[in-house]
Amino acid sequence: MKALSFILGLLFINYICSEPVTVIKTTTSKYENSEFIELFRVPNEFILSYSSPCSKQKDLAKAFDNNFNNYWQSAQEGAKCIDQESGKIYTSLKVNITVAFKKTVSIKNMVYQAYSTSTEVGIGFPEELQIYYSTESGQNAKFKLLQNVKATATDKKIVYNFNSIIKCNQINIEWKAIHSSKSIPKRATAKEIIFLYPETTYLNETILNAFDKTDYKQLTLTKAFNNLNNLNYMKTGLNSYGYNNYMREYLNRISSVISGSLKYDPKREFCTKSKANIRLIYQRGDIAKYARDTLKMSAAGTNRQSMGIYGRSNEKITIYVKTSKSTDPLPRIRFAQFIGSWGKWLIFYVLNINLFNLDNS
């Protein structure tokens, strides 16, 4: 249901960090939650290659192995070296890492942690880091500067918040200034480097597309979501995200369809087309206006049609509407109380194109 996906997307679009670097100071941070990271990270399977001048692949792999207990260390900055794998000679080494992806990916954040010891904090930390990206593939790709970030060395994980969402085939990160001491040469380090999807984009492209687009009733799931284990895994990761009630209801609906507790009821589907094999909603114009203005009978004539649907106290009724055009008028809903206060015996609702609930409380 396109309208639903659009509205829910808006609810998440404002989540953008204003600071270029976020230091993760508490274990309660979502970036310390392994389920959250696994949910939003660009999978390593999407990485085609990674390279750094004068670094062996098996050593550089330690920065992309999902393990913060080991680390990669670069060749010394400014040194003369020969790359053993490419044969290229560097007379004054500039430390950088280039990552190529198998397909175009969207990236908003990068998680990074430098190596530290009990006496030295943030060894090889980029006190100044330049981030470049390219929409091209191959060795001759042209790169654009995304941003230049300065930060103080730390032994904690940090998150680089890109100043814009990038769609790229390659990304290059260059250590412009490396934290070091007299006893330690200028070598970059990385315990781990993780690229994260924009959370809004991920949600719109995955969870908010869980239902088959041909089923406006949202009772038919796509193959990727027709599994309760997959859904529970996503819910665990989203707990760190702090998703709101709209998303919670949406996920609960997915769960109900998977479990079979939510099923199609033909008595609750209506149509304005007389040839449709479902219950008919008559379109006869404004009968109340005709009775009042033409027949001069203000007490006669009504536009209301009883649908025969009821709801118990505190129960919610969710309405899904399929229209042929975005300009088609949506039906207006009136809900009458059998028992309750006189002032609320008849409640009037105007439907909008979004997830709309009638709260019968």
Foldseek 3Di string as FASTA:
>chain_A
DVLALVVQLVVQPPPADPDQKAFDDDCLALVVPPLQQVLFFDDPVFWPDKDWAQFDRVQCCLQAPPFLPDKHKADFAQPWDANPVPRDTDNGGWTKMKIFGNAWAKFFKKKWFFDADPVGFQAQNQQKKWKWFFADDDPPTDIDTQDIDGDDTGRTMMMRGTPDIDTGRMMMMTRPDTDDDPVGGNIHMTSYMTTGHSPSVSCSVPLVQQADPVDLVRLHGDPVLLDVVSLVSVVVNCVSVVDDPSVVVSSVSSVCSSVVVDDDDLLPDEDCDPPDPGHHQDDDDQQQCCCCPPVVNNVDTDNDDDSPDDDDAQDKDWDGDDDPDPPDADDKDWDADPDDDPVRRIDIGGDDSYTDIDGRD
